[in-house]
PDB file of N, CA and C in Angstrom:
ATOM      1  N   MET A   1      -9.114 -13.593   7.946  1.00  0.00           N
ATOM      2  CA  MET A   1      -9.177 -12.541   8.947  1.00  0.00           C
ATOM      3  C   MET A   1      -8.909 -11.196   8.272  1.00  0.00           C
ATOM      4  N   PRO A   2      -9.551 -10.138   8.736  1.00  0.00           N
ATOM      5  CA  PRO A   2      -9.320  -8.826   8.137  1.00  0.00           C
ATOM      6  C   PRO A   2      -7.930  -8.312   8.474  1.00  0.00           C
ATOM      7  N   LEU A   3      -7.455  -7.399   7.617  1.00  0.00           N
ATOM      8  CA  LEU A   3      -6.170  -6.766   7.851  1.00  0.00           C
ATOM      9  C   LEU A   3      -6.359  -5.619   8.841  1.00  0.00           C
ATOM     10  N   ASP A   4      -5.332  -5.324   9.633  1.00  0.00           N
ATOM     11  CA  ASP A   4      -5.391  -4.230  10.598  1.00  0.00           C
ATOM     12  C   ASP A   4      -4.445  -3.128  10.161  1.00  0.00           C
ATOM     13  N   ILE A   5      -4.857  -1.870  10.299  1.00  0.00           N
ATOM     14  CA  ILE A   5      -3.999  -0.740   9.972  1.00  0.00           C
ATOM     15  C   ILE A   5      -3.250  -0.320  11.231  1.00  0.00           C
ATOM     16  N   LEU A   6      -1.932  -0.141  11.090  1.00  0.00           N
ATOM     17  CA  LEU A   6      -1.091   0.347  12.169  1.00  0.00           C
ATOM     18  C   LEU A   6      -0.346   1.567  11.671  1.00  0.00           C
ATOM     19  N   VAL A   7      -0.165   2.577  12.499  1.00  0.00           N
ATOM     20  CA  VAL A   7       0.635   3.732  12.145  1.00  0.00           C
ATOM     21  C   VAL A   7       1.848   3.711  13.044  1.00  0.00           C
ATOM     22  N   ASN A   8       3.053   3.658  12.447  1.00  0.00           N
ATOM     23  CA  ASN A   8       4.236   3.639  13.285  1.00  0.00           C
ATOM     24  C   ASN A   8       4.875   5.013  13.355  1.00  0.00           C
ATOM     25  N   GLN A   9       5.961   5.148  14.072  1.00  0.00           N
ATOM     26  CA  GLN A   9       6.570   6.441  14.336  1.00  0.00           C
ATOM     27  C   GLN A   9       7.482   6.912  13.220  1.00  0.00           C
ATOM     28  N   LEU A  10       7.645   6.164  12.161  1.00  0.00           N
ATOM     29  CA  LEU A  10       8.544   6.545  11.077  1.00  0.00           C
ATOM     30  C   LEU A  10       7.795   7.176   9.912  1.00  0.00           C
ATOM     31  N   CYS A  11       6.585   7.659  10.135  1.00  0.00           N
ATOM     32  CA  CYS A  11       5.757   8.266   9.095  1.00  0.00           C
ATOM     33  C   CYS A  11       5.431   7.269   7.991  1.00  0.00           C
ATOM     34  N   PHE A  12       5.252   6.033   8.357  1.00  0.00           N
ATOM     35  CA  PHE A  12       4.798   5.012   7.418  1.00  0.00           C
ATOM     36  C   PHE A  12       3.452   4.519   7.909  1.00  0.00           C
ATOM     37  N   THR A  13       2.600   4.186   6.972  1.00  0.00           N
ATOM     38  CA  THR A  13       1.345   3.542   7.309  1.00  0.00           C
ATOM     39  C   THR A  13       1.561   2.060   7.085  1.00  0.00           C
ATOM     40  N   GLY A  14       1.374   1.261   8.109  1.00  0.00           N
ATOM     41  CA  GLY A  14       1.638  -0.166   7.987  1.00  0.00           C
ATOM     42  C   GLY A  14       0.364  -0.962   7.927  1.00  0.00           C
ATOM     43  N   ILE A  15       0.392  -1.993   7.130  1.00  0.00           N
ATOM     44  CA  ILE A  15      -0.699  -2.955   7.085  1.00  0.00           C
ATOM     45  C   ILE A  15      -0.096  -4.258   7.568  1.00  0.00           C
ATOM     46  N   GLU A  16      -0.625  -4.803   8.615  1.00  0.00           N
ATOM     47  CA  GLU A  16      -0.069  -6.049   9.133  1.00  0.00           C
ATOM     48  C   GLU A  16      -1.180  -7.053   9.318  1.00  0.00           C
ATOM     49  N   LYS A  17      -1.034  -8.198   8.684  1.00  0.00           N
ATOM     50  CA  LYS A  17      -2.012  -9.261   8.851  1.00  0.00           C
ATOM     51  C   LYS A  17      -1.891  -9.820  10.258  1.00  0.00           C
ATOM     52  N   SER A  18      -3.008 -10.160  10.818  1.00  0.00           N
ATOM     53  CA  SER A  18      -3.026 -10.751  12.149  1.00  0.00           C
ATOM     54  C   SER A  18      -2.122 -11.975  12.188  1.00  0.00           C
ATOM     55  N   GLY A  19      -1.288 -12.083  13.205  1.00  0.00           N
ATOM     56  CA  GLY A  19      -0.362 -13.187  13.334  1.00  0.00           C
ATOM     57  C   GLY A  19       0.978 -12.905  12.688  1.00  0.00           C
ATOM     58  N   SER A  20       1.167 -11.685  12.170  1.00  0.00           N
ATOM     59  CA  SER A  20       2.428 -11.237  11.565  1.00  0.00           C
ATOM     60  C   SER A  20       2.904 -12.130  10.424  1.00  0.00           C
ATOM     61  N   ASP A  21       1.981 -12.695   9.627  1.00  0.00           N
ATOM     62  CA  ASP A  21       2.384 -13.473   8.461  1.00  0.00           C
ATOM     63  C   ASP A  21       3.010 -12.581   7.395  1.00  0.00           C
ATOM     64  N   PHE A  22       2.521 -11.340   7.292  1.00  0.00           N
ATOM     65  CA  PHE A  22       3.155 -10.390   6.390  1.00  0.00           C
ATOM     66  C   PHE A  22       2.901  -8.976   6.882  1.00  0.00           C
ATOM     67  N   MET A  23       3.741  -8.056   6.443  1.00  0.00           N
ATOM     68  CA  MET A  23       3.585  -6.655   6.812  1.00  0.00           C
ATOM     69  C   MET A  23       3.941  -5.801   5.612  1.00  0.00           C
ATOM     70  N   ILE A  24       3.100  -4.808   5.335  1.00  0.00           N
ATOM     71  CA  ILE A  24       3.323  -3.896   4.225  1.00  0.00           C
ATOM     72  C   ILE A  24       3.367  -2.485   4.790  1.00  0.00           C
ATOM     73  N   ASP A  25       4.449  -1.742   4.494  1.00  0.00           N
ATOM     74  CA  ASP A  25       4.556  -0.332   4.854  1.00  0.00           C
ATOM     75  C   ASP A  25       4.422   0.495   3.593  1.00  0.00           C
ATOM     76  N   VAL A  26       3.681   1.584   3.689  1.00  0.00           N
ATOM     77  CA  VAL A  26       3.510   2.503   2.573  1.00  0.00           C
ATOM     78  C   VAL A  26       3.940   3.881   3.042  1.00  0.00           C
ATOM     79  N   SER A  27       4.851   4.547   2.299  1.00  0.00           N
ATOM     80  CA  SER A  27       5.322   5.872   2.692  1.00  0.00           C
ATOM     81  C   SER A  27       4.149   6.848   2.725  1.00  0.00           C
ATOM     82  N   ASN A  28       4.044   7.609   3.808  1.00  0.00           N
ATOM     83  CA  ASN A  28       2.937   8.534   3.987  1.00  0.00           C
ATOM     84  C   ASN A  28       3.363   9.628   4.952  1.00  0.00           C
ATOM     85  N   PRO A  29       3.536  10.867   4.515  1.00  0.00           N
ATOM     86  CA  PRO A  29       3.281  11.354   3.156  1.00  0.00           C
ATOM     87  C   PRO A  29       4.406  10.967   2.198  1.00  0.00           C
ATOM     88  N   PHE A  30       4.183  11.229   0.903  1.00  0.00           N
ATOM     89  CA  PHE A  30       5.184  10.905  -0.116  1.00  0.00           C
ATOM     90  C   PHE A  30       5.261  12.051  -1.111  1.00  0.00           C
ATOM     91  N   ASP A  31       6.331  12.051  -1.938  1.00  0.00           N
ATOM     92  CA  ASP A  31       6.439  13.095  -2.955  1.00  0.00           C
ATOM     93  C   ASP A  31       6.415  12.480  -4.350  1.00  0.00           C
ATOM     94  N   ASN A  32       7.547  12.304  -5.004  1.00  0.00           N
ATOM     95  CA  ASN A  32       7.541  11.819  -6.385  1.00  0.00           C
ATOM     96  C   ASN A  32       7.608  10.311  -6.526  1.00  0.00           C
ATOM     97  N   ASN A  33       7.840   9.599  -5.440  1.00  0.00           N
ATOM     98  CA  ASN A  33       7.852   8.141  -5.454  1.00  0.00           C
ATOM     99  C   ASN A  33       7.128   7.623  -4.221  1.00  0.00           C
ATOM    100  N   LEU A  34       6.132   6.830  -4.459  1.00  0.00           N
ATOM    101  CA  LEU A  34       5.415   6.157  -3.382  1.00  0.00           C
ATOM    102  C   LEU A  34       6.108   4.820  -3.159  1.00  0.00           C
ATOM    103  N   MET A  35       6.633   4.618  -1.963  1.00  0.00           N
ATOM    104  CA  MET A  35       7.376   3.394  -1.653  1.00  0.00           C
ATOM    105  C   MET A  35       6.469   2.416  -0.907  1.00  0.00           C
ATOM    106  N   VAL A  36       6.450   1.181  -1.372  1.00  0.00           N
ATOM    107  CA  VAL A  36       5.701   0.107  -0.725  1.00  0.00           C
ATOM    108  C   VAL A  36       6.722  -0.964  -0.340  1.00  0.00           C
ATOM    109  N   ASN A  37       6.848  -1.235   0.938  1.00  0.00           N
ATOM    110  CA  ASN A  37       7.790  -2.236   1.434  1.00  0.00           C
ATOM    111  C   ASN A  37       7.023  -3.437   1.970  1.00  0.00           C
ATOM    112  N   ILE A  38       7.305  -4.598   1.406  1.00  0.00           N
ATOM    113  CA  ILE A  38       6.683  -5.837   1.861  1.00  0.00           C
ATOM    114  C   ILE A  38       7.769  -6.598   2.613  1.00  0.00           C
ATOM    115  N   HIS A  39       7.602  -6.693   3.930  1.00  0.00           N
ATOM    116  CA  HIS A  39       8.652  -7.187   4.809  1.00  0.00           C
ATOM    117  C   HIS A  39       8.744  -8.701   4.911  1.00  0.00           C
ATOM    118  N   TYR A  40       7.656  -9.389   4.697  1.00  0.00           N
ATOM    119  CA  TYR A  40       7.649 -10.846   4.768  1.00  0.00           C
ATOM    120  C   TYR A  40       6.994 -11.352   3.497  1.00  0.00           C
ATOM    121  N   PRO A  41       7.349 -12.525   3.020  1.00  0.00           N
ATOM    122  CA  PRO A  41       6.703 -13.042   1.805  1.00  0.00           C
ATOM    123  C   PRO A  41       5.187 -13.095   1.962  1.00  0.00           C
ATOM    124  N   LEU A  42       4.500 -12.611   0.939  1.00  0.00           N
ATOM    125  CA  LEU A  42       3.040 -12.650   0.964  1.00  0.00           C
ATOM    126  C   LEU A  42       2.571 -14.098   0.904  1.00  0.00           C
ATOM    127  N   PRO A  43       1.550 -14.463   1.681  1.00  0.00           N
ATOM    128  CA  PRO A  43       1.063 -15.839   1.650  1.00  0.00           C
ATOM    129  C   PRO A  43       0.308 -16.176   0.362  1.00  0.00           C
ATOM    130  N   GLU A  44      -0.103 -15.135  -0.371  1.00  0.00           N
ATOM    131  CA  GLU A  44      -0.850 -15.350  -1.620  1.00  0.00           C
ATOM    132  C   GLU A  44      -0.775 -14.073  -2.441  1.00  0.00           C
ATOM    133  N   ASP A  45      -1.277 -14.130  -3.673  1.00  0.00           N
ATOM    134  CA  ASP A  45      -1.287 -12.941  -4.516  1.00  0.00           C
ATOM    135  C   ASP A  45      -2.074 -11.819  -3.854  1.00  0.00           C
ATOM    136  N   ALA A  46      -1.640 -10.593  -4.098  1.00  0.00           N
ATOM    137  CA  ALA A  46      -2.342  -9.410  -3.599  1.00  0.00           C
ATOM    138  C   ALA A  46      -2.336  -8.368  -4.707  1.00  0.00           C
ATOM    139  N   GLU A  47      -3.269  -7.458  -4.660  1.00  0.00           N
ATOM    140  CA  GLU A  47      -3.345  -6.382  -5.636  1.00  0.00           C
ATOM    141  C   GLU A  47      -3.291  -5.054  -4.903  1.00  0.00           C
ATOM    142  N   ILE A  48      -2.443  -4.147  -5.396  1.00  0.00           N
ATOM    143  CA  ILE A  48      -2.334  -2.810  -4.822  1.00  0.00           C
ATOM    144  C   ILE A  48      -2.875  -1.828  -5.845  1.00  0.00           C
ATOM    145  N   MET A  49      -3.833  -1.007  -5.423  1.00  0.00           N
ATOM    146  CA  MET A  49      -4.431  -0.003  -6.294  1.00  0.00           C
ATOM    147  C   MET A  49      -4.357   1.342  -5.596  1.00  0.00           C
ATOM    148  N   VAL A  50      -4.126   2.405  -6.363  1.00  0.00           N
ATOM    149  CA  VAL A  50      -4.120   3.761  -5.829  1.00  0.00           C
ATOM    150  C   VAL A  50      -5.108   4.581  -6.656  1.00  0.00           C
ATOM    151  N   TYR A  51      -5.995   5.305  -5.953  1.00  0.00           N
ATOM    152  CA  TYR A  51      -7.012   6.145  -6.589  1.00  0.00           C
ATOM    153  C   TYR A  51      -6.858   7.576  -6.104  1.00  0.00           C
ATOM    154  N   ASP A  52      -7.171   8.545  -6.984  1.00  0.00           N
ATOM    155  CA  ASP A  52      -7.284   9.917  -6.500  1.00  0.00           C
ATOM    156  C   ASP A  52      -8.688  10.094  -5.925  1.00  0.00           C
ATOM    157  N   LEU A  53      -8.980  11.274  -5.401  1.00  0.00           N
ATOM    158  CA  LEU A  53     -10.278  11.456  -4.732  1.00  0.00           C
ATOM    159  C   LEU A  53     -11.456  11.573  -5.687  1.00  0.00           C
ATOM    160  N   THR A  54     -11.184  11.669  -6.994  1.00  0.00           N
ATOM    161  CA  THR A  54     -12.279  11.649  -7.964  1.00  0.00           C
ATOM    162  C   THR A  54     -12.652  10.219  -8.340  1.00  0.00           C
ATOM    163  N   GLY A  55     -11.860   9.239  -7.847  1.00  0.00           N
ATOM    164  CA  GLY A  55     -12.112   7.842  -8.154  1.00  0.00           C
ATOM    165  C   GLY A  55     -11.294   7.323  -9.321  1.00  0.00           C
ATOM    166  N   LYS A  56     -10.459   8.173  -9.910  1.00  0.00           N
ATOM    167  CA  LYS A  56      -9.603   7.748 -11.026  1.00  0.00           C
ATOM    168  C   LYS A  56      -8.482   6.861 -10.503  1.00  0.00           C
ATOM    169  N   MET A  57      -8.315   5.689 -11.145  1.00  0.00           N
ATOM    170  CA  MET A  57      -7.233   4.790 -10.750  1.00  0.00           C
ATOM    171  C   MET A  57      -5.918   5.344 -11.297  1.00  0.00           C
ATOM    172  N   CYS A  58      -4.956   5.551 -10.404  1.00  0.00           N
ATOM    173  CA  CYS A  58      -3.638   6.066 -10.780  1.00  0.00           C
ATOM    174  C   CYS A  58      -2.610   4.955 -10.904  1.00  0.00           C
ATOM    175  N   PHE A  59      -2.863   3.830 -10.241  1.00  0.00           N
ATOM    176  CA  PHE A  59      -1.898   2.734 -10.227  1.00  0.00           C
ATOM    177  C   PHE A  59      -2.621   1.448  -9.887  1.00  0.00           C
ATOM    178  N   ASP A  60      -2.188   0.361 -10.522  1.00  0.00           N
ATOM    179  CA  ASP A  60      -2.747  -0.957 -10.234  1.00  0.00           C
ATOM    180  C   ASP A  60      -1.659  -1.985 -10.510  1.00  0.00           C
ATOM    181  N   LYS A  61      -1.375  -2.843  -9.545  1.00  0.00           N
ATOM    182  CA  LYS A  61      -0.328  -3.860  -9.732  1.00  0.00           C
ATOM    183  C   LYS A  61      -0.702  -5.113  -8.959  1.00  0.00           C
ATOM    184  N   LEU A  62      -0.544  -6.245  -9.631  1.00  0.00           N
ATOM    185  CA  LEU A  62      -0.717  -7.538  -8.977  1.00  0.00           C
ATOM    186  C   LEU A  62       0.629  -7.951  -8.418  1.00  0.00           C
ATOM    187  N   ILE A  63       0.671  -8.254  -7.134  1.00  0.00           N
ATOM    188  CA  ILE A  63       1.887  -8.677  -6.454  1.00  0.00           C
ATOM    189  C   ILE A  63       1.774 -10.189  -6.238  1.00  0.00           C
ATOM    190  N   PRO A  64       2.698 -10.961  -6.799  1.00  0.00           N
ATOM    191  CA  PRO A  64       2.591 -12.415  -6.666  1.00  0.00           C
ATOM    192  C   PRO A  64       2.849 -12.886  -5.239  1.00  0.00           C
ATOM    193  N   GLY A  65       2.202 -13.978  -4.873  1.00  0.00           N
ATOM    194  CA  GLY A  65       2.472 -14.596  -3.581  1.00  0.00           C
ATOM    195  C   GLY A  65       3.951 -14.918  -3.454  1.00  0.00           C
ATOM    196  N   ASN A  66       4.448 -14.900  -2.247  1.00  0.00           N
ATOM    197  CA  ASN A  66       5.857 -15.132  -1.910  1.00  0.00           C
ATOM    198  C   ASN A  66       6.760 -13.959  -2.264  1.00  0.00           C
ATOM    199  N   PHE A  67       6.200 -12.832  -2.783  1.00  0.00           N
ATOM    200  CA  PHE A  67       7.027 -11.658  -3.045  1.00  0.00           C
ATOM    201  C   PHE A  67       7.411 -11.013  -1.722  1.00  0.00           C
ATOM    202  N   CYS A  68       8.641 -10.578  -1.637  1.00  0.00           N
ATOM    203  CA  CYS A  68       9.141  -9.862  -0.476  1.00  0.00           C
ATOM    204  C   CYS A  68      10.117  -8.818  -1.003  1.00  0.00           C
ATOM    205  N   GLY A  69       9.943  -7.558  -0.659  1.00  0.00           N
ATOM    206  CA  GLY A  69      10.845  -6.522  -1.130  1.00  0.00           C
ATOM    207  C   GLY A  69      10.161  -5.183  -1.234  1.00  0.00           C
ATOM    208  N   GLU A  70      10.736  -4.310  -2.071  1.00  0.00           N
ATOM    209  CA  GLU A  70      10.279  -2.937  -2.189  1.00  0.00           C
ATOM    210  C   GLU A  70       9.731  -2.681  -3.580  1.00  0.00           C
ATOM    211  N   ILE A  71       8.631  -1.932  -3.632  1.00  0.00           N
ATOM    212  CA  ILE A  71       8.036  -1.504  -4.886  1.00  0.00           C
ATOM    213  C   ILE A  71       8.055   0.015  -4.882  1.00  0.00           C
ATOM    214  N   SER A  72       8.607   0.609  -5.930  1.00  0.00           N
ATOM    215  CA  SER A  72       8.637   2.062  -6.073  1.00  0.00           C
ATOM    216  C   SER A  72       7.615   2.451  -7.134  1.00  0.00           C
ATOM    217  N   ILE A  73       6.654   3.278  -6.748  1.00  0.00           N
ATOM    218  CA  ILE A  73       5.609   3.723  -7.667  1.00  0.00           C
ATOM    219  C   ILE A  73       5.911   5.166  -8.048  1.00  0.00           C
ATOM    220  N   GLU A  74       6.265   5.386  -9.305  1.00  0.00           N
ATOM    221  CA  GLU A  74       6.606   6.729  -9.782  1.00  0.00           C
ATOM    222  C   GLU A  74       5.319   7.558  -9.844  1.00  0.00           C
ATOM    223  N   SER A  75       5.309   8.694  -9.152  1.00  0.00           N
ATOM    224  CA  SER A  75       4.091   9.492  -9.037  1.00  0.00           C
ATOM    225  C   SER A  75       4.312  10.953  -9.400  1.00  0.00           C
ATOM    226  N   THR A  76       5.325  11.235 -10.231  1.00  0.00           N
ATOM    227  CA  THR A  76       5.611  12.631 -10.575  1.00  0.00           C
ATOM    228  C   THR A  76       4.466  13.288 -11.328  1.00  0.00           C
ATOM    229  N   SER A  77       3.682  12.534 -12.065  1.00  0.00           N
ATOM    230  CA  SER A  77       2.570  13.113 -12.823  1.00  0.00           C
ATOM    231  C   SER A  77       1.308  13.309 -11.982  1.00  0.00           C
ATOM    232  N   TRP A  78       1.307  12.794 -10.750  1.00  0.00           N
ATOM    233  CA  TRP A  78       0.148  12.940  -9.882  1.00  0.00           C
ATOM    234  C   TRP A  78       0.164  14.324  -9.246  1.00  0.00           C
ATOM    235  N   GLN A  79      -1.003  14.909  -9.097  1.00  0.00           N
ATOM    236  CA  GLN A  79      -1.114  16.194  -8.417  1.00  0.00           C
ATOM    237  C   GLN A  79      -0.961  15.994  -6.909  1.00  0.00           C
ATOM    238  N   ASP A  80      -0.525  17.052  -6.216  1.00  0.00           N
ATOM    239  CA  ASP A  80      -0.480  17.006  -4.756  1.00  0.00           C
ATOM    240  C   ASP A  80      -1.896  16.830  -4.227  1.00  0.00           C
ATOM    241  N   GLY A  81      -2.021  16.074  -3.151  1.00  0.00           N
ATOM    242  CA  GLY A  81      -3.341  15.875  -2.565  1.00  0.00           C
ATOM    243  C   GLY A  81      -3.450  14.547  -1.855  1.00  0.00           C
ATOM    244  N   ILE A  82      -4.678  14.137  -1.645  1.00  0.00           N
ATOM    245  CA  ILE A  82      -4.980  12.911  -0.906  1.00  0.00           C
ATOM    246  C   ILE A  82      -5.319  11.805  -1.905  1.00  0.00           C
ATOM    247  N   TYR A  83      -4.789  10.620  -1.637  1.00  0.00           N
ATOM    248  CA  TYR A  83      -5.028   9.446  -2.465  1.00  0.00           C
ATOM    249  C   TYR A  83      -5.510   8.300  -1.588  1.00  0.00           C
ATOM    250  N   LEU A  84      -6.217   7.379  -2.190  1.00  0.00           N
ATOM    251  CA  LEU A  84      -6.714   6.205  -1.489  1.00  0.00           C
ATOM    252  C   LEU A  84      -5.945   4.984  -1.984  1.00  0.00           C
ATOM    253  N   VAL A  85      -5.350   4.245  -1.054  1.00  0.00           N
ATOM    254  CA  VAL A  85      -4.663   2.999  -1.377  1.00  0.00           C
ATOM    255  C   VAL A  85      -5.577   1.849  -0.978  1.00  0.00           C
ATOM    256  N   ARG A  86      -5.730   0.896  -1.875  1.00  0.00           N
ATOM    257  CA  ARG A  86      -6.536  -0.301  -1.576  1.00  0.00           C
ATOM    258  C   ARG A  86      -5.646  -1.516  -1.820  1.00  0.00           C
ATOM    259  N   ILE A  87      -5.574  -2.382  -0.818  1.00  0.00           N
ATOM    260  CA  ILE A  87      -4.822  -3.629  -0.934  1.00  0.00           C
ATOM    261  C   ILE A  87      -5.821  -4.766  -0.777  1.00  0.00           C
ATOM    262  N   MET A  88      -5.875  -5.625  -1.792  1.00  0.00           N
ATOM    263  CA  MET A  88      -6.831  -6.738  -1.789  1.00  0.00           C
ATOM    264  C   MET A  88      -6.092  -8.046  -1.913  1.00  0.00           C
ATOM    265  N   SER A  89      -6.530  -9.009  -1.142  1.00  0.00           N
ATOM    266  CA  SER A  89      -6.018 -10.373  -1.249  1.00  0.00           C
ATOM    267  C   SER A  89      -7.120 -11.306  -0.771  1.00  0.00           C
ATOM    268  N   GLY A  90      -6.834 -12.576  -0.761  1.00  0.00           N
ATOM    269  CA  GLY A  90      -7.794 -13.539  -0.229  1.00  0.00           C
ATOM    270  C   GLY A  90      -8.006 -13.370   1.268  1.00  0.00           C
ATOM    271  N   GLN A  91      -7.090 -12.654   1.924  1.00  0.00           N
ATOM    272  CA  GLN A  91      -7.198 -12.389   3.360  1.00  0.00           C
ATOM    273  C   GLN A  91      -8.182 -11.262   3.652  1.00  0.00           C
ATOM    274  N   GLY A  92      -8.540 -10.474   2.625  1.00  0.00           N
ATOM    275  CA  GLY A  92      -9.459  -9.362   2.812  1.00  0.00           C
ATOM    276  C   GLY A  92      -9.002  -8.144   2.036  1.00  0.00           C
ATOM    277  N   THR A  93      -9.691  -7.045   2.255  1.00  0.00           N
ATOM    278  CA  THR A  93      -9.404  -5.784   1.582  1.00  0.00           C
ATOM    279  C   THR A  93      -9.205  -4.718   2.643  1.00  0.00           C
ATOM    280  N   GLU A  94      -8.201  -3.880   2.424  1.00  0.00           N
ATOM    281  CA  GLU A  94      -7.949  -2.768   3.331  1.00  0.00           C
ATOM    282  C   GLU A  94      -7.736  -1.515   2.503  1.00  0.00           C
ATOM    283  N   SER A  95      -8.322  -0.419   2.934  1.00  0.00           N
ATOM    284  CA  SER A  95      -8.169   0.863   2.252  1.00  0.00           C
ATOM    285  C   SER A  95      -7.754   1.915   3.266  1.00  0.00           C
ATOM    286  N   PHE A  96      -6.898   2.832   2.828  1.00  0.00           N
ATOM    287  CA  PHE A  96      -6.479   3.927   3.703  1.00  0.00           C
ATOM    288  C   PHE A  96      -6.011   5.092   2.843  1.00  0.00           C
ATOM    289  N   LYS A  97      -5.984   6.283   3.437  1.00  0.00           N
ATOM    290  CA  LYS A  97      -5.605   7.497   2.731  1.00  0.00           C
ATOM    291  C   LYS A  97      -4.120   7.780   2.913  1.00  0.00           C
ATOM    292  N   ILE A  98      -3.525   8.342   1.850  1.00  0.00           N
ATOM    293  CA  ILE A  98      -2.143   8.803   1.900  1.00  0.00           C
ATOM    294  C   ILE A  98      -2.105  10.214   1.297  1.00  0.00           C
ATOM    295  N   ILE A  99      -1.034  10.946   1.584  1.00  0.00           N
ATOM    296  CA  ILE A  99      -0.922  12.340   1.137  1.00  0.00           C
ATOM    297  C   ILE A  99       0.315  12.503   0.271  1.00  0.00           C
ATOM    298  N   LYS A 100       0.114  13.110  -0.904  1.00  0.00           N
ATOM    299  CA  LYS A 100       1.246  13.482  -1.774  1.00  0.00           C
ATOM    300  C   LYS A 100       1.472  14.975  -1.619  1.00  0.00           C
ATOM    301  N   PHE A 101       2.747  15.349  -1.471  1.00  0.00           N
ATOM    302  CA  PHE A 101       3.060  16.780  -1.343  1.00  0.00           C
ATOM    303  C   PHE A 101       4.087  17.207  -2.356  1.00  0.00           C
TER     304      PHE A 101
END
């Protein structure tokens, strides 16, 4: 099943798989650290990628299945602007924009 994007009131962009098997929050907007919170163990491996608007990959990490916790992505060298986050797993692919200030 495809992933659904949810925006909550805490200025986080949430990705929640249908049936609440897992939920990922990404800080949006963010400054020098992009925080990714995985609230429930992932059912399988997933990959998180961040691109700038020119298509340059700024970050790529494979997250093992059953991981649950917080990932801090150091982004001090990134310019302010809009970035694209892509999360891929066997459940599908989801992409959304985030803002660095």
